[in-house]
PDB file of N, CA and C in Angstrom:
ATOM      1  N   MET A   1      16.175 -69.775 -16.038  1.00  0.00           N
ATOM      2  CA  MET A   1      16.044 -70.475 -17.312  1.00  0.00           C
ATOM      3  C   MET A   1      14.570 -70.800 -17.552  1.00  0.00           C
ATOM      4  N   THR A   2      14.078 -70.555 -18.769  1.00  0.00           N
ATOM      5  CA  THR A   2      12.675 -70.822 -19.096  1.00  0.00           C
ATOM      6  C   THR A   2      12.580 -72.099 -19.921  1.00  0.00           C
ATOM      7  N   LYS A   3      11.495 -72.775 -19.722  1.00  0.00           N
ATOM      8  CA  LYS A   3      11.269 -74.010 -20.469  1.00  0.00           C
ATOM      9  C   LYS A   3      10.431 -73.704 -21.704  1.00  0.00           C
ATOM     10  N   LYS A   4      10.772 -74.361 -22.768  1.00  0.00           N
ATOM     11  CA  LYS A   4       9.981 -74.209 -23.992  1.00  0.00           C
ATOM     12  C   LYS A   4       8.785 -75.139 -23.930  1.00  0.00           C
ATOM     13  N   ARG A   5       7.649 -74.590 -24.310  1.00  0.00           N
ATOM     14  CA  ARG A   5       6.441 -75.422 -24.356  1.00  0.00           C
ATOM     15  C   ARG A   5       6.158 -75.769 -25.803  1.00  0.00           C
ATOM     16  N   THR A   6       5.792 -76.972 -26.024  1.00  0.00           N
ATOM     17  CA  THR A   6       5.411 -77.390 -27.365  1.00  0.00           C
ATOM     18  C   THR A   6       3.926 -77.669 -27.371  1.00  0.00           C
ATOM     19  N   ALA A   7       3.262 -77.147 -28.333  1.00  0.00           N
ATOM     20  CA  ALA A   7       1.822 -77.368 -28.454  1.00  0.00           C
ATOM     21  C   ALA A   7       1.581 -78.692 -29.151  1.00  0.00           C
ATOM     22  N   ALA A   8       0.700 -79.464 -28.572  1.00  0.00           N
ATOM     23  CA  ALA A   8       0.352 -80.752 -29.180  1.00  0.00           C
ATOM     24  C   ALA A   8      -0.650 -80.504 -30.283  1.00  0.00           C
ATOM     25  N   ARG A   9      -0.313 -80.895 -31.468  1.00  0.00           N
ATOM     26  CA  ARG A   9      -1.212 -80.747 -32.607  1.00  0.00           C
ATOM     27  C   ARG A   9      -1.777 -82.101 -32.971  1.00  0.00           C
ATOM     28  N   SER A  10      -2.986 -82.064 -33.494  1.00  0.00           N
ATOM     29  CA  SER A  10      -3.571 -83.330 -33.920  1.00  0.00           C
ATOM     30  C   SER A  10      -2.857 -83.798 -35.178  1.00  0.00           C
ATOM     31  N   ALA A  11      -2.675 -85.080 -35.252  1.00  0.00           N
ATOM     32  CA  ALA A  11      -1.952 -85.650 -36.382  1.00  0.00           C
ATOM     33  C   ALA A  11      -2.877 -85.972 -37.551  1.00  0.00           C
ATOM     34  N   ALA A  12      -4.156 -85.631 -37.431  1.00  0.00           N
ATOM     35  CA  ALA A  12      -5.109 -85.970 -38.486  1.00  0.00           C
ATOM     36  C   ALA A  12      -4.898 -85.051 -39.683  1.00  0.00           C
ATOM     37  N   PRO A  13      -4.675 -85.605 -40.842  1.00  0.00           N
ATOM     38  CA  PRO A  13      -4.523 -84.770 -42.038  1.00  0.00           C
ATOM     39  C   PRO A  13      -5.862 -84.143 -42.415  1.00  0.00           C
ATOM     40  N   SER A  14      -5.791 -83.057 -43.151  1.00  0.00           N
ATOM     41  CA  SER A  14      -7.012 -82.346 -43.522  1.00  0.00           C
ATOM     42  C   SER A  14      -7.909 -83.168 -44.445  1.00  0.00           C
ATOM     43  N   SER A  15      -7.352 -84.165 -45.110  1.00  0.00           N
ATOM     44  CA  SER A  15      -8.159 -84.975 -46.023  1.00  0.00           C
ATOM     45  C   SER A  15      -9.104 -85.910 -45.287  1.00  0.00           C
ATOM     46  N   SER A  16      -8.937 -86.067 -43.968  1.00  0.00           N
ATOM     47  CA  SER A  16      -9.821 -86.966 -43.236  1.00  0.00           C
ATOM     48  C   SER A  16     -11.119 -86.285 -42.826  1.00  0.00           C
ATOM     49  N   ARG A  17     -11.207 -84.967 -43.036  1.00  0.00           N
ATOM     50  CA  ARG A  17     -12.432 -84.262 -42.712  1.00  0.00           C
ATOM     51  C   ARG A  17     -13.520 -84.619 -43.719  1.00  0.00           C
ATOM     52  N   PRO A  18     -14.764 -84.724 -43.258  1.00  0.00           N
ATOM     53  CA  PRO A  18     -15.834 -85.021 -44.211  1.00  0.00           C
ATOM     54  C   PRO A  18     -16.038 -83.857 -45.163  1.00  0.00           C
ATOM     55  N   LYS A  19     -16.284 -84.172 -46.403  1.00  0.00           N
ATOM     56  CA  LYS A  19     -16.497 -83.150 -47.417  1.00  0.00           C
ATOM     57  C   LYS A  19     -17.993 -82.896 -47.562  1.00  0.00           C
ATOM     58  N   PRO A  20     -18.375 -81.693 -47.950  1.00  0.00           N
ATOM     59  CA  PRO A  20     -19.797 -81.412 -48.132  1.00  0.00           C
ATOM     60  C   PRO A  20     -20.392 -82.292 -49.226  1.00  0.00           C
ATOM     61  N   SER A  21     -21.660 -82.601 -49.063  1.00  0.00           N
ATOM     62  CA  SER A  21     -22.315 -83.463 -50.039  1.00  0.00           C
ATOM     63  C   SER A  21     -22.409 -82.772 -51.386  1.00  0.00           C
ATOM     64  N   LYS A  22     -22.570 -83.553 -52.427  1.00  0.00           N
ATOM     65  CA  LYS A  22     -22.685 -83.006 -53.783  1.00  0.00           C
ATOM     66  C   LYS A  22     -23.925 -82.120 -53.911  1.00  0.00           C
ATOM     67  N   ALA A  23     -24.992 -82.450 -53.182  1.00  0.00           N
ATOM     68  CA  ALA A  23     -26.232 -81.683 -53.272  1.00  0.00           C
ATOM     69  C   ALA A  23     -26.011 -80.240 -52.805  1.00  0.00           C
ATOM     70  N   ARG A  24     -25.163 -80.040 -51.806  1.00  0.00           N
ATOM     71  CA  ARG A  24     -24.916 -78.699 -51.307  1.00  0.00           C
ATOM     72  C   ARG A  24     -24.005 -77.915 -52.242  1.00  0.00           C
ATOM     73  N   GLN A  25     -23.228 -78.586 -53.080  1.00  0.00           N
ATOM     74  CA  GLN A  25     -22.292 -77.922 -53.952  1.00  0.00           C
ATOM     75  C   GLN A  25     -22.936 -77.455 -55.260  1.00  0.00           C
ATOM     76  N   LYS A  26     -24.102 -77.971 -55.585  1.00  0.00           N
ATOM     77  CA  LYS A  26     -24.741 -77.617 -56.850  1.00  0.00           C
ATOM     78  C   LYS A  26     -25.220 -76.174 -56.828  1.00  0.00           C
ATOM     79  N   GLY A  27     -25.172 -75.535 -57.980  1.00  0.00           N
ATOM     80  CA  GLY A  27     -25.628 -74.153 -58.106  1.00  0.00           C
ATOM     81  C   GLY A  27     -27.119 -74.098 -58.323  1.00  0.00           C
ATOM     82  N   ASN A  28     -27.608 -72.959 -58.730  1.00  0.00           N
ATOM     83  CA  ASN A  28     -29.020 -72.730 -59.048  1.00  0.00           C
ATOM     84  C   ASN A  28     -29.932 -73.054 -57.869  1.00  0.00           C
ATOM     85  N   ARG A  29     -29.614 -72.495 -56.733  1.00  0.00           N
ATOM     86  CA  ARG A  29     -30.467 -72.705 -55.573  1.00  0.00           C
ATOM     87  C   ARG A  29     -31.781 -71.970 -55.755  1.00  0.00           C
ATOM     88  N   VAL A  30     -32.802 -72.487 -55.135  1.00  0.00           N
ATOM     89  CA  VAL A  30     -34.090 -71.812 -55.114  1.00  0.00           C
ATOM     90  C   VAL A  30     -34.141 -71.031 -53.807  1.00  0.00           C
ATOM     91  N   ALA A  31     -34.652 -69.811 -53.858  1.00  0.00           N
ATOM     92  CA  ALA A  31     -34.706 -68.986 -52.659  1.00  0.00           C
ATOM     93  C   ALA A  31     -35.537 -69.686 -51.599  1.00  0.00           C
ATOM     94  N   ALA A  32     -34.882 -70.121 -50.538  1.00  0.00           N
ATOM     95  CA  ALA A  32     -35.554 -70.855 -49.485  1.00  0.00           C
ATOM     96  C   ALA A  32     -35.578 -70.019 -48.218  1.00  0.00           C
ATOM     97  N   ALA A  33     -36.451 -69.059 -48.161  1.00  0.00           N
ATOM     98  CA  ALA A  33     -36.613 -68.232 -46.967  1.00  0.00           C
ATOM     99  C   ALA A  33     -37.971 -68.563 -46.362  1.00  0.00           C
ATOM    100  N   ARG A  34     -37.988 -68.698 -45.054  1.00  0.00           N
ATOM    101  CA  ARG A  34     -39.245 -69.026 -44.386  1.00  0.00           C
ATOM    102  C   ARG A  34     -40.249 -67.885 -44.593  1.00  0.00           C
ATOM    103  N   PRO A  35     -41.496 -68.212 -44.846  1.00  0.00           N
ATOM    104  CA  PRO A  35     -42.491 -67.155 -45.040  1.00  0.00           C
ATOM    105  C   PRO A  35     -42.713 -66.383 -43.740  1.00  0.00           C
ATOM    106  N   GLY A  36     -43.008 -65.088 -43.884  1.00  0.00           N
ATOM    107  CA  GLY A  36     -43.295 -64.255 -42.724  1.00  0.00           C
ATOM    108  C   GLY A  36     -42.060 -63.666 -42.068  1.00  0.00           C
ATOM    109  N   THR A  37     -40.875 -63.864 -42.647  1.00  0.00           N
ATOM    110  CA  THR A  37     -39.653 -63.290 -42.089  1.00  0.00           C
ATOM    111  C   THR A  37     -39.301 -62.008 -42.838  1.00  0.00           C
ATOM    112  N   LYS A  38     -38.400 -61.238 -42.262  1.00  0.00           N
ATOM    113  CA  LYS A  38     -37.963 -60.012 -42.922  1.00  0.00           C
ATOM    114  C   LYS A  38     -37.272 -60.326 -44.238  1.00  0.00           C
ATOM    115  N   GLN A  39     -36.497 -61.423 -44.256  1.00  0.00           N
ATOM    116  CA  GLN A  39     -35.813 -61.808 -45.496  1.00  0.00           C
ATOM    117  C   GLN A  39     -36.814 -62.162 -46.579  1.00  0.00           C
ATOM    118  N   SER A  40     -37.833 -62.925 -46.244  1.00  0.00           N
ATOM    119  CA  SER A  40     -38.815 -63.309 -47.261  1.00  0.00           C
ATOM    120  C   SER A  40     -39.589 -62.093 -47.755  1.00  0.00           C
ATOM    121  N   ASP A  41     -39.878 -61.154 -46.848  1.00  0.00           N
ATOM    122  CA  ASP A  41     -40.559 -59.923 -47.266  1.00  0.00           C
ATOM    123  C   ASP A  41     -39.687 -59.125 -48.227  1.00  0.00           C
ATOM    124  N   ALA A  42     -38.401 -59.020 -47.911  1.00  0.00           N
ATOM    125  CA  ALA A  42     -37.485 -58.269 -48.772  1.00  0.00           C
ATOM    126  C   ALA A  42     -37.343 -58.936 -50.133  1.00  0.00           C
ATOM    127  N   ILE A  43     -37.259 -60.257 -50.153  1.00  0.00           N
ATOM    128  CA  ILE A  43     -37.128 -60.978 -51.421  1.00  0.00           C
ATOM    129  C   ILE A  43     -38.383 -60.807 -52.269  1.00  0.00           C
ATOM    130  N   GLU A  44     -39.547 -60.821 -51.648  1.00  0.00           N
ATOM    131  CA  GLU A  44     -40.791 -60.596 -52.388  1.00  0.00           C
ATOM    132  C   GLU A  44     -40.828 -59.184 -52.972  1.00  0.00           C
ATOM    133  N   MET A  45     -40.346 -58.210 -52.222  1.00  0.00           N
ATOM    134  CA  MET A  45     -40.286 -56.843 -52.740  1.00  0.00           C
ATOM    135  C   MET A  45     -39.345 -56.774 -53.938  1.00  0.00           C
ATOM    136  N   LEU A  46     -38.212 -57.469 -53.849  1.00  0.00           N
ATOM    137  CA  LEU A  46     -37.245 -57.456 -54.943  1.00  0.00           C
ATOM    138  C   LEU A  46     -37.766 -58.187 -56.173  1.00  0.00           C
ATOM    139  N   ARG A  47     -38.641 -59.156 -55.982  1.00  0.00           N
ATOM    140  CA  ARG A  47     -39.207 -59.909 -57.111  1.00  0.00           C
ATOM    141  C   ARG A  47     -40.372 -59.188 -57.772  1.00  0.00           C
ATOM    142  N   SER A  48     -40.878 -58.153 -57.158  1.00  0.00           N
ATOM    143  CA  SER A  48     -41.992 -57.432 -57.767  1.00  0.00           C
ATOM    144  C   SER A  48     -41.507 -56.774 -59.058  1.00  0.00           C
ATOM    145  N   PRO A  49     -42.395 -56.574 -60.021  1.00  0.00           N
ATOM    146  CA  PRO A  49     -41.973 -56.014 -61.316  1.00  0.00           C
ATOM    147  C   PRO A  49     -41.262 -54.674 -61.200  1.00  0.00           C
ATOM    148  N   GLY A  50     -41.664 -53.846 -60.255  1.00  0.00           N
ATOM    149  CA  GLY A  50     -41.033 -52.543 -60.101  1.00  0.00           C
ATOM    150  C   GLY A  50     -39.754 -52.574 -59.289  1.00  0.00           C
ATOM    151  N   GLY A  51     -39.482 -53.685 -58.615  1.00  0.00           N
ATOM    152  CA  GLY A  51     -38.303 -53.774 -57.768  1.00  0.00           C
ATOM    153  C   GLY A  51     -38.509 -53.010 -56.476  1.00  0.00           C
ATOM    154  N   ALA A  52     -37.408 -52.680 -55.805  1.00  0.00           N
ATOM    155  CA  ALA A  52     -37.491 -51.976 -54.533  1.00  0.00           C
ATOM    156  C   ALA A  52     -36.306 -51.032 -54.386  1.00  0.00           C
ATOM    157  N   THR A  53     -36.549 -49.922 -53.724  1.00  0.00           N
ATOM    158  CA  THR A  53     -35.478 -48.969 -53.454  1.00  0.00           C
ATOM    159  C   THR A  53     -34.855 -49.296 -52.101  1.00  0.00           C
ATOM    160  N   MET A  54     -33.712 -48.703 -51.833  1.00  0.00           N
ATOM    161  CA  MET A  54     -33.053 -48.890 -50.542  1.00  0.00           C
ATOM    162  C   MET A  54     -33.956 -48.385 -49.419  1.00  0.00           C
ATOM    163  N   ALA A  55     -34.603 -47.248 -49.637  1.00  0.00           N
ATOM    164  CA  ALA A  55     -35.487 -46.677 -48.622  1.00  0.00           C
ATOM    165  C   ALA A  55     -36.662 -47.609 -48.317  1.00  0.00           C
ATOM    166  N   ALA A  56     -37.233 -48.210 -49.355  1.00  0.00           N
ATOM    167  CA  ALA A  56     -38.361 -49.127 -49.157  1.00  0.00           C
ATOM    168  C   ALA A  56     -37.924 -50.380 -48.398  1.00  0.00           C
ATOM    169  N   LEU A  57     -36.734 -50.888 -48.730  1.00  0.00           N
ATOM    170  CA  LEU A  57     -36.235 -52.087 -48.041  1.00  0.00           C
ATOM    171  C   LEU A  57     -35.907 -51.791 -46.582  1.00  0.00           C
ATOM    172  N   THR A  58     -35.319 -50.629 -46.304  1.00  0.00           N
ATOM    173  CA  THR A  58     -34.998 -50.301 -44.916  1.00  0.00           C
ATOM    174  C   THR A  58     -36.274 -50.077 -44.099  1.00  0.00           C
ATOM    175  N   LYS A  59     -37.282 -49.489 -44.713  1.00  0.00           N
ATOM    176  CA  LYS A  59     -38.542 -49.257 -44.004  1.00  0.00           C
ATOM    177  C   LYS A  59     -39.283 -50.574 -43.740  1.00  0.00           C
ATOM    178  N   ALA A  60     -39.292 -51.471 -44.715  1.00  0.00           N
ATOM    179  CA  ALA A  60     -40.029 -52.729 -44.579  1.00  0.00           C
ATOM    180  C   ALA A  60     -39.364 -53.687 -43.584  1.00  0.00           C
ATOM    181  N   THR A  61     -38.038 -53.665 -43.532  1.00  0.00           N
ATOM    182  CA  THR A  61     -37.335 -54.624 -42.667  1.00  0.00           C
ATOM    183  C   THR A  61     -36.946 -54.037 -41.320  1.00  0.00           C
ATOM    184  N   GLY A  62     -36.799 -52.712 -41.252  1.00  0.00           N
ATOM    185  CA  GLY A  62     -36.328 -52.101 -40.022  1.00  0.00           C
ATOM    186  C   GLY A  62     -34.813 -52.139 -39.906  1.00  0.00           C
ATOM    187  N   TRP A  63     -34.140 -52.587 -40.968  1.00  0.00           N
ATOM    188  CA  TRP A  63     -32.675 -52.655 -40.979  1.00  0.00           C
ATOM    189  C   TRP A  63     -32.112 -51.314 -41.395  1.00  0.00           C
ATOM    190  N   GLN A  64     -30.843 -51.093 -41.035  1.00  0.00           N
ATOM    191  CA  GLN A  64     -30.145 -49.912 -41.516  1.00  0.00           C
ATOM    192  C   GLN A  64     -29.668 -50.178 -42.937  1.00  0.00           C
ATOM    193  N   SER A  65     -29.336 -49.108 -43.655  1.00  0.00           N
ATOM    194  CA  SER A  65     -28.998 -49.261 -45.076  1.00  0.00           C
ATOM    195  C   SER A  65     -27.776 -50.147 -45.292  1.00  0.00           C
ATOM    196  N   HIS A  66     -26.776 -50.095 -44.394  1.00  0.00           N
ATOM    197  CA  HIS A  66     -25.616 -50.962 -44.588  1.00  0.00           C
ATOM    198  C   HIS A  66     -25.972 -52.430 -44.371  1.00  0.00           C
ATOM    199  N   SER A  67     -26.968 -52.698 -43.540  1.00  0.00           N
ATOM    200  CA  SER A  67     -27.424 -54.076 -43.344  1.00  0.00           C
ATOM    201  C   SER A  67     -28.184 -54.580 -44.568  1.00  0.00           C
ATOM    202  N   VAL A  68     -28.954 -53.706 -45.194  1.00  0.00           N
ATOM    203  CA  VAL A  68     -29.674 -54.077 -46.415  1.00  0.00           C
ATOM    204  C   VAL A  68     -28.669 -54.384 -47.528  1.00  0.00           C
ATOM    205  N   ARG A  69     -27.624 -53.544 -47.662  1.00  0.00           N
ATOM    206  CA  ARG A  69     -26.603 -53.806 -48.678  1.00  0.00           C
ATOM    207  C   ARG A  69     -25.902 -55.136 -48.414  1.00  0.00           C
ATOM    208  N   GLY A  70     -25.626 -55.441 -47.156  1.00  0.00           N
ATOM    209  CA  GLY A  70     -25.031 -56.726 -46.807  1.00  0.00           C
ATOM    210  C   GLY A  70     -25.954 -57.885 -47.124  1.00  0.00           C
ATOM    211  N   PHE A  71     -27.245 -57.715 -46.889  1.00  0.00           N
ATOM    212  CA  PHE A  71     -28.236 -58.731 -47.231  1.00  0.00           C
ATOM    213  C   PHE A  71     -28.269 -58.977 -48.732  1.00  0.00           C
ATOM    214  N   LEU A  72     -28.243 -57.884 -49.510  1.00  0.00           N
ATOM    215  CA  LEU A  72     -28.298 -58.020 -50.970  1.00  0.00           C
ATOM    216  C   LEU A  72     -27.071 -58.759 -51.489  1.00  0.00           C
ATOM    217  N   ALA A  73     -25.900 -58.423 -50.989  1.00  0.00           N
ATOM    218  CA  ALA A  73     -24.668 -59.051 -51.473  1.00  0.00           C
ATOM    219  C   ALA A  73     -24.472 -60.443 -50.885  1.00  0.00           C
ATOM    220  N   GLY A  74     -24.649 -60.574 -49.596  1.00  0.00           N
ATOM    221  CA  GLY A  74     -24.335 -61.834 -48.924  1.00  0.00           C
ATOM    222  C   GLY A  74     -25.393 -62.898 -49.043  1.00  0.00           C
ATOM    223  N   VAL A  75     -26.642 -62.511 -48.883  1.00  0.00           N
ATOM    224  CA  VAL A  75     -27.720 -63.500 -48.900  1.00  0.00           C
ATOM    225  C   VAL A  75     -28.283 -63.682 -50.300  1.00  0.00           C
ATOM    226  N   VAL A  76     -28.723 -62.596 -50.902  1.00  0.00           N
ATOM    227  CA  VAL A  76     -29.395 -62.694 -52.196  1.00  0.00           C
ATOM    228  C   VAL A  76     -28.436 -63.187 -53.274  1.00  0.00           C
ATOM    229  N   ARG A  77     -27.276 -62.538 -53.393  1.00  0.00           N
ATOM    230  CA  ARG A  77     -26.351 -62.906 -54.474  1.00  0.00           C
ATOM    231  C   ARG A  77     -25.532 -64.147 -54.159  1.00  0.00           C
ATOM    232  N   LYS A  78     -24.922 -64.206 -52.984  1.00  0.00           N
ATOM    233  CA  LYS A  78     -23.978 -65.292 -52.706  1.00  0.00           C
ATOM    234  C   LYS A  78     -24.654 -66.556 -52.197  1.00  0.00           C
ATOM    235  N   ARG A  79     -25.458 -66.454 -51.134  1.00  0.00           N
ATOM    236  CA  ARG A  79     -26.028 -67.665 -50.549  1.00  0.00           C
ATOM    237  C   ARG A  79     -27.165 -68.241 -51.395  1.00  0.00           C
ATOM    238  N   LEU A  80     -28.093 -67.396 -51.804  1.00  0.00           N
ATOM    239  CA  LEU A  80     -29.229 -67.874 -52.584  1.00  0.00           C
ATOM    240  C   LEU A  80     -28.939 -67.941 -54.077  1.00  0.00           C
ATOM    241  N   LYS A  81     -27.833 -67.332 -54.497  1.00  0.00           N
ATOM    242  CA  LYS A  81     -27.396 -67.340 -55.893  1.00  0.00           C
ATOM    243  C   LYS A  81     -28.489 -66.840 -56.841  1.00  0.00           C
ATOM    244  N   LEU A  82     -29.140 -65.763 -56.440  1.00  0.00           N
ATOM    245  CA  LEU A  82     -30.159 -65.146 -57.283  1.00  0.00           C
ATOM    246  C   LEU A  82     -29.536 -63.989 -58.048  1.00  0.00           C
ATOM    247  N   ASP A  83     -30.015 -63.764 -59.256  1.00  0.00           N
ATOM    248  CA  ASP A  83     -29.555 -62.617 -60.030  1.00  0.00           C
ATOM    249  C   ASP A  83     -30.189 -61.371 -59.429  1.00  0.00           C
ATOM    250  N   LEU A  84     -29.399 -60.336 -59.268  1.00  0.00           N
ATOM    251  CA  LEU A  84     -29.901 -59.089 -58.720  1.00  0.00           C
ATOM    252  C   LEU A  84     -29.537 -57.967 -59.672  1.00  0.00           C
ATOM    253  N   GLU A  85     -30.558 -57.328 -60.217  1.00  0.00           N
ATOM    254  CA  GLU A  85     -30.330 -56.212 -61.129  1.00  0.00           C
ATOM    255  C   GLU A  85     -30.413 -54.913 -60.351  1.00  0.00           C
ATOM    256  N   SER A  86     -29.582 -53.969 -60.714  1.00  0.00           N
ATOM    257  CA  SER A  86     -29.578 -52.665 -60.078  1.00  0.00           C
ATOM    258  C   SER A  86     -29.592 -51.612 -61.182  1.00  0.00           C
ATOM    259  N   THR A  87     -30.599 -50.768 -61.169  1.00  0.00           N
ATOM    260  CA  THR A  87     -30.696 -49.718 -62.178  1.00  0.00           C
ATOM    261  C   THR A  87     -30.874 -48.374 -61.484  1.00  0.00           C
ATOM    262  N   LEU A  88     -30.444 -47.335 -62.149  1.00  0.00           N
ATOM    263  CA  LEU A  88     -30.568 -45.983 -61.628  1.00  0.00           C
ATOM    264  C   LEU A  88     -31.661 -45.273 -62.425  1.00  0.00           C
ATOM    265  N   VAL A  89     -32.754 -44.914 -61.753  1.00  0.00           N
ATOM    266  CA  VAL A  89     -33.879 -44.249 -62.405  1.00  0.00           C
ATOM    267  C   VAL A  89     -34.081 -42.900 -61.731  1.00  0.00           C
ATOM    268  N   GLU A  90     -33.836 -41.839 -62.491  1.00  0.00           N
ATOM    269  CA  GLU A  90     -33.989 -40.471 -62.002  1.00  0.00           C
ATOM    270  C   GLU A  90     -33.239 -40.255 -60.693  1.00  0.00           C
ATOM    271  N   GLY A  91     -32.041 -40.783 -60.605  1.00  0.00           N
ATOM    272  CA  GLY A  91     -31.207 -40.596 -59.429  1.00  0.00           C
ATOM    273  C   GLY A  91     -31.507 -41.525 -58.270  1.00  0.00           C
ATOM    274  N   ILE A  92     -32.450 -42.438 -58.435  1.00  0.00           N
ATOM    275  CA  ILE A  92     -32.816 -43.379 -57.371  1.00  0.00           C
ATOM    276  C   ILE A  92     -32.463 -44.790 -57.824  1.00  0.00           C
ATOM    277  N   ARG A  93     -31.717 -45.516 -56.999  1.00  0.00           N
ATOM    278  CA  ARG A  93     -31.306 -46.869 -57.338  1.00  0.00           C
ATOM    279  C   ARG A  93     -32.442 -47.837 -57.043  1.00  0.00           C
ATOM    280  N   ILE A  94     -32.762 -48.674 -58.030  1.00  0.00           N
ATOM    281  CA  ILE A  94     -33.823 -49.672 -57.920  1.00  0.00           C
ATOM    282  C   ILE A  94     -33.174 -51.058 -58.015  1.00  0.00           C
ATOM    283  N   TYR A  95     -33.462 -51.915 -57.038  1.00  0.00           N
ATOM    284  CA  TYR A  95     -32.955 -53.287 -57.035  1.00  0.00           C
ATOM    285  C   TYR A  95     -34.102 -54.219 -57.408  1.00  0.00           C
ATOM    286  N   ARG A  96     -33.788 -55.240 -58.214  1.00  0.00           N
ATOM    287  CA  ARG A  96     -34.829 -56.149 -58.684  1.00  0.00           C
ATOM    288  C   ARG A  96     -34.240 -57.523 -58.949  1.00  0.00           C
ATOM    289  N   ILE A  97     -35.004 -58.561 -58.616  1.00  0.00           N
ATOM    290  CA  ILE A  97     -34.643 -59.934 -58.957  1.00  0.00           C
ATOM    291  C   ILE A  97     -35.472 -60.314 -60.175  1.00  0.00           C
ATOM    292  N   PRO A  98     -34.829 -60.463 -61.345  1.00  0.00           N
ATOM    293  CA  PRO A  98     -35.592 -60.868 -62.526  1.00  0.00           C
ATOM    294  C   PRO A  98     -35.958 -62.339 -62.412  1.00  0.00           C
ATOM    295  N   GLY A  99     -37.028 -62.716 -63.075  1.00  0.00           N
ATOM    296  CA  GLY A  99     -37.390 -64.128 -63.001  1.00  0.00           C
ATOM    297  C   GLY A  99     -38.744 -64.388 -63.584  1.00  0.00           C
ATOM    298  N   GLU A 100     -39.447 -65.318 -62.929  1.00  0.00           N
ATOM    299  CA  GLU A 100     -40.732 -65.757 -63.446  1.00  0.00           C
ATOM    300  C   GLU A 100     -41.762 -64.639 -63.472  1.00  0.00           C
ATOM    301  N   ARG A 101     -41.628 -63.651 -62.598  1.00  0.00           N
ATOM    302  CA  ARG A 101     -42.528 -62.501 -62.610  1.00  0.00           C
ATOM    303  C   ARG A 101     -41.842 -61.353 -63.334  1.00  0.00           C
ATOM    304  N   ALA A 102     -41.569 -61.552 -64.588  1.00  0.00           N
ATOM    305  CA  ALA A 102     -40.809 -60.552 -65.354  1.00  0.00           C
ATOM    306  C   ALA A 102     -41.610 -59.271 -65.495  1.00  0.00           C
ATOM    307  N   ALA A 103     -40.901 -58.187 -65.461  1.00  0.00           N
ATOM    308  CA  ALA A 103     -41.535 -56.874 -65.598  1.00  0.00           C
ATOM    309  C   ALA A 103     -41.933 -56.637 -67.046  1.00  0.00           C
ATOM    310  N   THR A 104     -42.915 -55.786 -67.204  1.00  0.00           N
ATOM    311  CA  THR A 104     -43.303 -55.412 -68.562  1.00  0.00           C
ATOM    312  C   THR A 104     -42.202 -54.541 -69.135  1.00  0.00           C
ATOM    313  N   PRO A 105     -42.016 -54.555 -70.442  1.00  0.00           N
ATOM    314  CA  PRO A 105     -40.944 -53.750 -71.023  1.00  0.00           C
ATOM    315  C   PRO A 105     -41.144 -52.275 -70.721  1.00  0.00           C
ATOM    316  N   VAL A 106     -40.070 -51.586 -70.465  1.00  0.00           N
ATOM    317  CA  VAL A 106     -40.120 -50.163 -70.165  1.00  0.00           C
ATOM    318  C   VAL A 106     -40.329 -49.404 -71.463  1.00  0.00           C
ATOM    319  N   GLU A 107     -41.310 -48.494 -71.448  1.00  0.00           N
ATOM    320  CA  GLU A 107     -41.576 -47.700 -72.642  1.00  0.00           C
ATOM    321  C   GLU A 107     -40.506 -46.637 -72.783  1.00  0.00           C
ATOM    322  N   THR A 108     -40.112 -46.391 -73.997  1.00  0.00           N
ATOM    323  CA  THR A 108     -39.121 -45.345 -74.249  1.00  0.00           C
ATOM    324  C   THR A 108     -39.749 -44.218 -75.031  1.00  0.00           C
ATOM    325  N   LYS A 109     -39.289 -43.022 -74.767  1.00  0.00           N
ATOM    326  CA  LYS A 109     -39.790 -41.858 -75.512  1.00  0.00           C
ATOM    327  C   LYS A 109     -39.125 -41.825 -76.880  1.00  0.00           C
ATOM    328  N   SER A 110     -39.633 -41.006 -77.729  1.00  0.00           N
ATOM    329  CA  SER A 110     -39.112 -40.948 -79.111  1.00  0.00           C
ATOM    330  C   SER A 110     -37.649 -40.516 -79.174  1.00  0.00           C
ATOM    331  N   ASP A 111     -37.173 -39.810 -78.149  1.00  0.00           N
ATOM    332  CA  ASP A 111     -35.772 -39.393 -78.166  1.00  0.00           C
ATOM    333  C   ASP A 111     -34.846 -40.441 -77.541  1.00  0.00           C
ATOM    334  N   GLY A 112     -35.381 -41.630 -77.193  1.00  0.00           N
ATOM    335  CA  GLY A 112     -34.563 -42.731 -76.711  1.00  0.00           C
ATOM    336  C   GLY A 112     -34.438 -42.813 -75.192  1.00  0.00           C
ATOM    337  N   ARG A 113     -35.036 -41.833 -74.477  1.00  0.00           N
ATOM    338  CA  ARG A 113     -34.968 -41.876 -73.009  1.00  0.00           C
ATOM    339  C   ARG A 113     -36.083 -42.746 -72.460  1.00  0.00           C
ATOM    340  N   LYS A 114     -35.816 -43.367 -71.310  1.00  0.00           N
ATOM    341  CA  LYS A 114     -36.849 -44.175 -70.658  1.00  0.00           C
ATOM    342  C   LYS A 114     -37.846 -43.261 -69.997  1.00  0.00           C
ATOM    343  N   SER A 115     -39.105 -43.706 -69.989  1.00  0.00           N
ATOM    344  CA  SER A 115     -40.141 -42.891 -69.348  1.00  0.00           C
ATOM    345  C   SER A 115     -40.291 -43.229 -67.886  1.00  0.00           C
TER     346      SER A 115
END
């Protein structure tokens, strides 16, 4: 005959857990990356008027392309809540963070194509 074991659970309701402060819940975070890190270098590249390609980001950081994509989605978009634009120029994807260093308007040819 086997004995049944019962697991002792804590009786504390989930409402007794401390909640995050209001300051942490607010949106519009400012990119807070320590200077001289790979993340800060990548963010500076993304803030440049021309933006950055996947190849440039992988070369500058030493990360593999799937790690760069994870950084763009997880850190840049979700954690830092920065806008990230992605455009396709002549078959090459360019990533850019629009903002205070806005790019100059792209010139268009007379037939409506971007130069």
